Amino acid sequence: MSKRLTIAQAQQQLPNLLQELTDQPIVITQDGVPVMAAISYNHLTELLETLDILTDIEFVSKLRQSITQASEGKTVSWENAKAKLGL
């Protein structure tokens, strides 16, 4: 569960919030309504990378095709894959 703070609490606790940032955001509220979220920089970069991947239509299409093929048992053994790649 995300930690929730008012804007005033966030202002007072800002120096300490850096130590509390985990994979869960800290939600900042105004009048009880969420208006902002604080997340670690590492988590932000992970989210942006994921978003970049998921918005690559060609990649997602190929990924779905691969998942379908794998679920249908249409796979290549590791040994065959290495041989095809000349490894």
PDB file of N, CA and C in Angstrom:
ATOM      1  N   MET A   1       0.843  -1.181   0.000  1.00  0.00           N
ATOM      2  CA  MET A   1       0.000   0.000   0.000  1.00  0.00           C
ATOM      3  C   MET A   1       0.885   1.240   0.000  1.00  0.00           C
ATOM      4  N   SER A   2       0.526   2.197  -0.783  1.00  0.00           N
ATOM      5  CA  SER A   2       1.283   3.437  -0.885  1.00  0.00           C
ATOM      6  C   SER A   2       1.121   4.276   0.371  1.00  0.00           C
ATOM      7  N   LYS A   3       2.198   4.935   0.737  1.00  0.00           N
ATOM      8  CA  LYS A   3       2.146   5.880   1.839  1.00  0.00           C
ATOM      9  C   LYS A   3       1.479   7.145   1.324  1.00  0.00           C
ATOM     10  N   ARG A   4       0.657   7.771   2.142  1.00  0.00           N
ATOM     11  CA  ARG A   4      -0.026   9.012   1.760  1.00  0.00           C
ATOM     12  C   ARG A   4       0.368  10.130   2.710  1.00  0.00           C
ATOM     13  N   LEU A   5       0.652  11.278   2.118  1.00  0.00           N
ATOM     14  CA  LEU A   5       1.001  12.469   2.884  1.00  0.00           C
ATOM     15  C   LEU A   5       0.266  13.665   2.307  1.00  0.00           C
ATOM     16  N   THR A   6      -0.046  14.623   3.161  1.00  0.00           N
ATOM     17  CA  THR A   6      -0.576  15.887   2.658  1.00  0.00           C
ATOM     18  C   THR A   6       0.601  16.683   2.092  1.00  0.00           C
ATOM     19  N   ILE A   7       0.290  17.746   1.358  1.00  0.00           N
ATOM     20  CA  ILE A   7       1.360  18.588   0.817  1.00  0.00           C
ATOM     21  C   ILE A   7       2.203  19.159   1.954  1.00  0.00           C
ATOM     22  N   ALA A   8       1.559  19.604   3.014  1.00  0.00           N
ATOM     23  CA  ALA A   8       2.285  20.172   4.156  1.00  0.00           C
ATOM     24  C   ALA A   8       3.205  19.125   4.787  1.00  0.00           C
ATOM     25  N   GLN A   9       2.711  17.901   4.947  1.00  0.00           N
ATOM     26  CA  GLN A   9       3.542  16.834   5.510  1.00  0.00           C
ATOM     27  C   GLN A   9       4.728  16.531   4.597  1.00  0.00           C
ATOM     28  N   ALA A  10       4.478  16.507   3.300  1.00  0.00           N
ATOM     29  CA  ALA A  10       5.549  16.219   2.343  1.00  0.00           C
ATOM     30  C   ALA A  10       6.623  17.301   2.406  1.00  0.00           C
ATOM     31  N   GLN A  11       6.201  18.566   2.529  1.00  0.00           N
ATOM     32  CA  GLN A  11       7.165  19.661   2.617  1.00  0.00           C
ATOM     33  C   GLN A  11       8.038  19.500   3.861  1.00  0.00           C
ATOM     34  N   GLN A  12       7.415  19.149   4.980  1.00  0.00           N
ATOM     35  CA  GLN A  12       8.159  19.000   6.232  1.00  0.00           C
ATOM     36  C   GLN A  12       9.101  17.798   6.191  1.00  0.00           C
ATOM     37  N   GLN A  13       8.671  16.745   5.527  1.00  0.00           N
ATOM     38  CA  GLN A  13       9.413  15.484   5.563  1.00  0.00           C
ATOM     39  C   GLN A  13      10.288  15.240   4.332  1.00  0.00           C
ATOM     40  N   LEU A  14      10.372  16.216   3.429  1.00  0.00           N
ATOM     41  CA  LEU A  14      11.079  15.999   2.162  1.00  0.00           C
ATOM     42  C   LEU A  14      12.482  15.414   2.329  1.00  0.00           C
ATOM     43  N   PRO A  15      13.320  15.952   3.212  1.00  0.00           N
ATOM     44  CA  PRO A  15      14.660  15.362   3.341  1.00  0.00           C
ATOM     45  C   PRO A  15      14.629  13.872   3.712  1.00  0.00           C
ATOM     46  N   ASN A  16      13.660  13.470   4.503  1.00  0.00           N
ATOM     47  CA  ASN A  16      13.573  12.074   4.944  1.00  0.00           C
ATOM     48  C   ASN A  16      12.875  11.176   3.929  1.00  0.00           C
ATOM     49  N   LEU A  17      12.082  11.757   3.038  1.00  0.00           N
ATOM     50  CA  LEU A  17      11.335  10.950   2.071  1.00  0.00           C
ATOM     51  C   LEU A  17      12.258  10.180   1.139  1.00  0.00           C
ATOM     52  N   LEU A  18      13.420  10.743   0.846  1.00  0.00           N
ATOM     53  CA  LEU A  18      14.358  10.070  -0.050  1.00  0.00           C
ATOM     54  C   LEU A  18      14.718   8.687   0.471  1.00  0.00           C
ATOM     55  N   GLN A  19      14.844   8.556   1.773  1.00  0.00           N
ATOM     56  CA  GLN A  19      15.197   7.270   2.371  1.00  0.00           C
ATOM     57  C   GLN A  19      14.021   6.302   2.363  1.00  0.00           C
ATOM     58  N   GLU A  20      12.805   6.809   2.254  1.00  0.00           N
ATOM     59  CA  GLU A  20      11.614   5.971   2.309  1.00  0.00           C
ATOM     60  C   GLU A  20      11.143   5.485   0.947  1.00  0.00           C
ATOM     61  N   LEU A  21      11.685   6.052  -0.127  1.00  0.00           N
ATOM     62  CA  LEU A  21      11.217   5.670  -1.454  1.00  0.00           C
ATOM     63  C   LEU A  21      11.600   4.228  -1.753  1.00  0.00           C
ATOM     64  N   THR A  22      10.605   3.466  -2.132  1.00  0.00           N
ATOM     65  CA  THR A  22      10.794   2.066  -2.502  1.00  0.00           C
ATOM     66  C   THR A  22      10.093   1.866  -3.834  1.00  0.00           C
ATOM     67  N   ASP A  23       9.687   0.640  -4.108  1.00  0.00           N
ATOM     68  CA  ASP A  23       8.937   0.375  -5.333  1.00  0.00           C
ATOM     69  C   ASP A  23       7.526   0.944  -5.262  1.00  0.00           C
ATOM     70  N   GLN A  24       7.074   1.271  -4.071  1.00  0.00           N
ATOM     71  CA  GLN A  24       5.748   1.855  -3.904  1.00  0.00           C
ATOM     72  C   GLN A  24       5.871   3.379  -3.879  1.00  0.00           C
ATOM     73  N   PRO A  25       5.008   4.069  -4.600  1.00  0.00           N
ATOM     74  CA  PRO A  25       5.076   5.532  -4.580  1.00  0.00           C
ATOM     75  C   PRO A  25       4.588   6.101  -3.252  1.00  0.00           C
ATOM     76  N   ILE A  26       5.007   7.304  -2.979  1.00  0.00           N
ATOM     77  CA  ILE A  26       4.454   8.068  -1.863  1.00  0.00           C
ATOM     78  C   ILE A  26       3.461   9.029  -2.497  1.00  0.00           C
ATOM     79  N   VAL A  27       2.211   8.909  -2.124  1.00  0.00           N
ATOM     80  CA  VAL A  27       1.145   9.712  -2.719  1.00  0.00           C
ATOM     81  C   VAL A  27       0.980  10.994  -1.912  1.00  0.00           C
ATOM     82  N   ILE A  28       1.010  12.123  -2.593  1.00  0.00           N
ATOM     83  CA  ILE A  28       0.834  13.431  -1.962  1.00  0.00           C
ATOM     84  C   ILE A  28      -0.597  13.885  -2.248  1.00  0.00           C
ATOM     85  N   THR A  29      -1.293  14.287  -1.198  1.00  0.00           N
ATOM     86  CA  THR A  29      -2.695  14.674  -1.354  1.00  0.00           C
ATOM     87  C   THR A  29      -2.900  16.148  -1.034  1.00  0.00           C
ATOM     88  N   GLN A  30      -3.962  16.683  -1.618  1.00  0.00           N
ATOM     89  CA  GLN A  30      -4.405  18.043  -1.300  1.00  0.00           C
ATOM     90  C   GLN A  30      -5.897  17.945  -1.058  1.00  0.00           C
ATOM     91  N   ASP A  31      -6.309  18.333   0.117  1.00  0.00           N
ATOM     92  CA  ASP A  31      -7.712  18.219   0.518  1.00  0.00           C
ATOM     93  C   ASP A  31      -8.205  16.779   0.368  1.00  0.00           C
ATOM     94  N   GLY A  32      -7.314  15.825   0.677  1.00  0.00           N
ATOM     95  CA  GLY A  32      -7.674  14.411   0.636  1.00  0.00           C
ATOM     96  C   GLY A  32      -7.660  13.782  -0.744  1.00  0.00           C
ATOM     97  N   VAL A  33      -7.335  14.564  -1.771  1.00  0.00           N
ATOM     98  CA  VAL A  33      -7.338  14.067  -3.152  1.00  0.00           C
ATOM     99  C   VAL A  33      -5.890  13.892  -3.621  1.00  0.00           C
ATOM    100  N   PRO A  34      -5.528  12.726  -4.151  1.00  0.00           N
ATOM    101  CA  PRO A  34      -4.165  12.542  -4.658  1.00  0.00           C
ATOM    102  C   PRO A  34      -3.865  13.528  -5.791  1.00  0.00           C
ATOM    103  N   VAL A  35      -2.742  14.257  -5.671  1.00  0.00           N
ATOM    104  CA  VAL A  35      -2.362  15.235  -6.692  1.00  0.00           C
ATOM    105  C   VAL A  35      -0.954  14.996  -7.239  1.00  0.00           C
ATOM    106  N   MET A  36      -0.185  14.120  -6.585  1.00  0.00           N
ATOM    107  CA  MET A  36       1.200  13.920  -6.984  1.00  0.00           C
ATOM    108  C   MET A  36       1.685  12.600  -6.399  1.00  0.00           C
ATOM    109  N   ALA A  37       2.707  12.024  -7.016  1.00  0.00           N
ATOM    110  CA  ALA A  37       3.330  10.825  -6.469  1.00  0.00           C
ATOM    111  C   ALA A  37       4.839  10.979  -6.535  1.00  0.00           C
ATOM    112  N   ALA A  38       5.510  10.563  -5.496  1.00  0.00           N
ATOM    113  CA  ALA A  38       6.969  10.567  -5.467  1.00  0.00           C
ATOM    114  C   ALA A  38       7.437   9.123  -5.602  1.00  0.00           C
ATOM    115  N   ILE A  39       8.338   8.898  -6.570  1.00  0.00           N
ATOM    116  CA  ILE A  39       8.908   7.568  -6.757  1.00  0.00           C
ATOM    117  C   ILE A  39      10.417   7.703  -6.891  1.00  0.00           C
ATOM    118  N   SER A  40      11.130   6.619  -6.661  1.00  0.00           N
ATOM    119  CA  SER A  40      12.583   6.670  -6.788  1.00  0.00           C
ATOM    120  C   SER A  40      12.961   6.876  -8.255  1.00  0.00           C
ATOM    121  N   TYR A  41      14.135   7.432  -8.469  1.00  0.00           N
ATOM    122  CA  TYR A  41      14.602   7.659  -9.838  1.00  0.00           C
ATOM    123  C   TYR A  41      14.751   6.332 -10.577  1.00  0.00           C
ATOM    124  N   ASN A  42      15.240   5.308  -9.882  1.00  0.00           N
ATOM    125  CA  ASN A  42      15.381   3.991 -10.514  1.00  0.00           C
ATOM    126  C   ASN A  42      14.031   3.456 -10.967  1.00  0.00           C
ATOM    127  N   HIS A  43      13.029   3.605 -10.123  1.00  0.00           N
ATOM    128  CA  HIS A  43      11.688   3.139 -10.487  1.00  0.00           C
ATOM    129  C   HIS A  43      11.159   3.947 -11.676  1.00  0.00           C
ATOM    130  N   LEU A  44      11.406   5.232 -11.690  1.00  0.00           N
ATOM    131  CA  LEU A  44      10.975   6.068 -12.815  1.00  0.00           C
ATOM    132  C   LEU A  44      11.602   5.591 -14.122  1.00  0.00           C
ATOM    133  N   THR A  45      12.911   5.343 -14.110  1.00  0.00           N
ATOM    134  CA  THR A  45      13.558   4.899 -15.347  1.00  0.00           C
ATOM    135  C   THR A  45      13.036   3.537 -15.785  1.00  0.00           C
ATOM    136  N   GLU A  46      12.756   2.645 -14.830  1.00  0.00           N
ATOM    137  CA  GLU A  46      12.179   1.343 -15.180  1.00  0.00           C
ATOM    138  C   GLU A  46      10.805   1.513 -15.820  1.00  0.00           C
ATOM    139  N   LEU A  47       9.989   2.385 -15.254  1.00  0.00           N
ATOM    140  CA  LEU A  47       8.655   2.630 -15.811  1.00  0.00           C
ATOM    141  C   LEU A  47       8.737   3.226 -17.215  1.00  0.00           C
ATOM    142  N   LEU A  48       9.651   4.169 -17.413  1.00  0.00           N
ATOM    143  CA  LEU A  48       9.797   4.789 -18.732  1.00  0.00           C
ATOM    144  C   LEU A  48      10.297   3.789 -19.770  1.00  0.00           C
ATOM    145  N   GLU A  49      11.225   2.914 -19.375  1.00  0.00           N
ATOM    146  CA  GLU A  49      11.705   1.876 -20.294  1.00  0.00           C
ATOM    147  C   GLU A  49      10.574   0.925 -20.670  1.00  0.00           C
ATOM    148  N   THR A  50       9.779   0.537 -19.674  1.00  0.00           N
ATOM    149  CA  THR A  50       8.639  -0.352 -19.934  1.00  0.00           C
ATOM    150  C   THR A  50       7.644   0.320 -20.859  1.00  0.00           C
ATOM    151  N   LEU A  51       7.358   1.576 -20.613  1.00  0.00           N
ATOM    152  CA  LEU A  51       6.434   2.322 -21.467  1.00  0.00           C
ATOM    153  C   LEU A  51       6.968   2.415 -22.889  1.00  0.00           C
ATOM    154  N   ASP A  52       8.257   2.645 -23.023  1.00  0.00           N
ATOM    155  CA  ASP A  52       8.879   2.725 -24.346  1.00  0.00           C
ATOM    156  C   ASP A  52       8.722   1.399 -25.093  1.00  0.00           C
ATOM    157  N   ILE A  53       8.938   0.297 -24.402  1.00  0.00           N
ATOM    158  CA  ILE A  53       8.793  -1.029 -25.020  1.00  0.00           C
ATOM    159  C   ILE A  53       7.345  -1.274 -25.423  1.00  0.00           C
ATOM    160  N   LEU A  54       6.422  -0.977 -24.511  1.00  0.00           N
ATOM    161  CA  LEU A  54       5.012  -1.274 -24.770  1.00  0.00           C
ATOM    162  C   LEU A  54       4.395  -0.384 -25.845  1.00  0.00           C
ATOM    163  N   THR A  55       5.023   0.742 -26.144  1.00  0.00           N
ATOM    164  CA  THR A  55       4.495   1.603 -27.204  1.00  0.00           C
ATOM    165  C   THR A  55       5.150   1.316 -28.553  1.00  0.00           C
ATOM    166  N   ASP A  56       6.070   0.348 -28.584  1.00  0.00           N
ATOM    167  CA  ASP A  56       6.691  -0.090 -29.839  1.00  0.00           C
ATOM    168  C   ASP A  56       5.783  -1.159 -30.444  1.00  0.00           C
ATOM    169  N   ILE A  57       4.908  -0.746 -31.335  1.00  0.00           N
ATOM    170  CA  ILE A  57       3.871  -1.629 -31.878  1.00  0.00           C
ATOM    171  C   ILE A  57       4.473  -2.857 -32.551  1.00  0.00           C
ATOM    172  N   GLU A  58       5.533  -2.676 -33.308  1.00  0.00           N
ATOM    173  CA  GLU A  58       6.158  -3.813 -33.998  1.00  0.00           C
ATOM    174  C   GLU A  58       6.715  -4.823 -32.993  1.00  0.00           C
ATOM    175  N   PHE A  59       7.382  -4.320 -31.951  1.00  0.00           N
ATOM    176  CA  PHE A  59       7.942  -5.208 -30.937  1.00  0.00           C
ATOM    177  C   PHE A  59       6.847  -5.977 -30.211  1.00  0.00           C
ATOM    178  N   VAL A  60       5.797  -5.274 -29.804  1.00  0.00           N
ATOM    179  CA  VAL A  60       4.697  -5.921 -29.081  1.00  0.00           C
ATOM    180  C   VAL A  60       4.029  -6.971 -29.956  1.00  0.00           C
ATOM    181  N   SER A  61       3.872  -6.685 -31.240  1.00  0.00           N
ATOM    182  CA  SER A  61       3.280  -7.652 -32.162  1.00  0.00           C
ATOM    183  C   SER A  61       4.134  -8.917 -32.245  1.00  0.00           C
ATOM    184  N   LYS A  62       5.447  -8.739 -32.370  1.00  0.00           N
ATOM    185  CA  LYS A  62       6.352  -9.889 -32.431  1.00  0.00           C
ATOM    186  C   LYS A  62       6.367 -10.645 -31.104  1.00  0.00           C
ATOM    187  N   LEU A  63       6.289  -9.927 -30.005  1.00  0.00           N
ATOM    188  CA  LEU A  63       6.250 -10.566 -28.691  1.00  0.00           C
ATOM    189  C   LEU A  63       5.003 -11.424 -28.548  1.00  0.00           C
ATOM    190  N   ARG A  64       3.856 -10.887 -28.938  1.00  0.00           N
ATOM    191  CA  ARG A  64       2.606 -11.657 -28.871  1.00  0.00           C
ATOM    192  C   ARG A  64       2.688 -12.901 -29.752  1.00  0.00           C
ATOM    193  N   GLN A  65       3.249 -12.736 -30.941  1.00  0.00           N
ATOM    194  CA  GLN A  65       3.398 -13.868 -31.853  1.00  0.00           C
ATOM    195  C   GLN A  65       4.293 -14.936 -31.218  1.00  0.00           C
ATOM    196  N   SER A  66       5.374 -14.520 -30.598  1.00  0.00           N
ATOM    197  CA  SER A  66       6.289 -15.457 -29.947  1.00  0.00           C
ATOM    198  C   SER A  66       5.621 -16.181 -28.791  1.00  0.00           C
ATOM    199  N   ILE A  67       4.836 -15.461 -28.009  1.00  0.00           N
ATOM    200  CA  ILE A  67       4.124 -16.074 -26.885  1.00  0.00           C
ATOM    201  C   ILE A  67       3.135 -17.104 -27.398  1.00  0.00           C
ATOM    202  N   THR A  68       2.420 -16.766 -28.460  1.00  0.00           N
ATOM    203  CA  THR A  68       1.463 -17.706 -29.054  1.00  0.00           C
ATOM    204  C   THR A  68       2.183 -18.948 -29.552  1.00  0.00           C
ATOM    205  N   GLN A  69       3.283 -18.760 -30.261  1.00  0.00           N
ATOM    206  CA  GLN A  69       4.041 -19.903 -30.774  1.00  0.00           C
ATOM    207  C   GLN A  69       4.555 -20.780 -29.634  1.00  0.00           C
ATOM    208  N   ALA A  70       5.049 -20.171 -28.588  1.00  0.00           N
ATOM    209  CA  ALA A  70       5.555 -20.940 -27.449  1.00  0.00           C
ATOM    210  C   ALA A  70       4.434 -21.718 -26.776  1.00  0.00           C
ATOM    211  N   SER A  71       3.265 -21.094 -26.627  1.00  0.00           N
ATOM    212  CA  SER A  71       2.141 -21.787 -25.983  1.00  0.00           C
ATOM    213  C   SER A  71       1.627 -22.936 -26.841  1.00  0.00           C
ATOM    214  N   GLU A  72       1.879 -22.870 -28.140  1.00  0.00           N
ATOM    215  CA  GLU A  72       1.482 -23.948 -29.053  1.00  0.00           C
ATOM    216  C   GLU A  72       2.581 -24.995 -29.200  1.00  0.00           C
ATOM    217  N   GLY A  73       3.664 -24.826 -28.453  1.00  0.00           N
ATOM    218  CA  GLY A  73       4.757 -25.792 -28.507  1.00  0.00           C
ATOM    219  C   GLY A  73       5.683 -25.613 -29.688  1.00  0.00           C
ATOM    220  N   LYS A  74       5.550 -24.515 -30.390  1.00  0.00           N
ATOM    221  CA  LYS A  74       6.402 -24.245 -31.556  1.00  0.00           C
ATOM    222  C   LYS A  74       7.686 -23.559 -31.083  1.00  0.00           C
ATOM    223  N   THR A  75       8.566 -24.359 -30.505  1.00  0.00           N
ATOM    224  CA  THR A  75       9.809 -23.825 -29.969  1.00  0.00           C
ATOM    225  C   THR A  75      10.998 -24.510 -30.630  1.00  0.00           C
ATOM    226  N   VAL A  76      12.166 -23.953 -30.417  1.00  0.00           N
ATOM    227  CA  VAL A  76      13.413 -24.511 -30.928  1.00  0.00           C
ATOM    228  C   VAL A  76      14.289 -24.810 -29.725  1.00  0.00           C
ATOM    229  N   SER A  77      14.894 -25.985 -29.712  1.00  0.00           N
ATOM    230  CA  SER A  77      15.763 -26.333 -28.583  1.00  0.00           C
ATOM    231  C   SER A  77      16.976 -25.406 -28.563  1.00  0.00           C
ATOM    232  N   TRP A  78      17.575 -25.293 -27.400  1.00  0.00           N
ATOM    233  CA  TRP A  78      18.755 -24.448 -27.247  1.00  0.00           C
ATOM    234  C   TRP A  78      19.866 -24.920 -28.181  1.00  0.00           C
ATOM    235  N   GLU A  79      20.047 -26.223 -28.281  1.00  0.00           N
ATOM    236  CA  GLU A  79      21.089 -26.767 -29.155  1.00  0.00           C
ATOM    237  C   GLU A  79      20.828 -26.402 -30.614  1.00  0.00           C
ATOM    238  N   ASN A  80      19.580 -26.517 -31.061  1.00  0.00           N
ATOM    239  CA  ASN A  80      19.245 -26.152 -32.445  1.00  0.00           C
ATOM    240  C   ASN A  80      19.423 -24.653 -32.688  1.00  0.00           C
ATOM    241  N   ALA A  81      19.049 -23.860 -31.708  1.00  0.00           N
ATOM    242  CA  ALA A  81      19.203 -22.406 -31.844  1.00  0.00           C
ATOM    243  C   ALA A  81      20.677 -22.045 -31.983  1.00  0.00           C
ATOM    244  N   LYS A  82      21.530 -22.649 -31.141  1.00  0.00           N
ATOM    245  CA  LYS A  82      22.971 -22.379 -31.228  1.00  0.00           C
ATOM    246  C   LYS A  82      23.518 -22.803 -32.587  1.00  0.00           C
ATOM    247  N   ALA A  83      23.073 -23.957 -33.066  1.00  0.00           N
ATOM    248  CA  ALA A  83      23.552 -24.444 -34.364  1.00  0.00           C
ATOM    249  C   ALA A  83      23.134 -23.498 -35.487  1.00  0.00           C
ATOM    250  N   LYS A  84      21.885 -23.024 -35.446  1.00  0.00           N
ATOM    251  CA  LYS A  84      21.407 -22.101 -36.480  1.00  0.00           C
ATOM    252  C   LYS A  84      22.179 -20.787 -36.468  1.00  0.00           C
ATOM    253  N   LEU A  85      22.612 -20.385 -35.284  1.00  0.00           N
ATOM    254  CA  LEU A  85      23.354 -19.128 -35.144  1.00  0.00           C
ATOM    255  C   LEU A  85      24.860 -19.320 -35.304  1.00  0.00           C
ATOM    256  N   GLY A  86      25.274 -20.568 -35.481  1.00  0.00           N
ATOM    257  CA  GLY A  86      26.695 -20.854 -35.649  1.00  0.00           C
ATOM    258  C   GLY A  86      27.499 -20.694 -34.385  1.00  0.00           C
ATOM    259  N   LEU A  87      26.886 -20.994 -33.270  1.00  0.00           N
ATOM    260  CA  LEU A  87      27.584 -20.854 -31.977  1.00  0.00           C
ATOM    261  C   LEU A  87      28.085 -22.185 -31.463  1.00  0.00           C
TER     262      LEU A  87
END
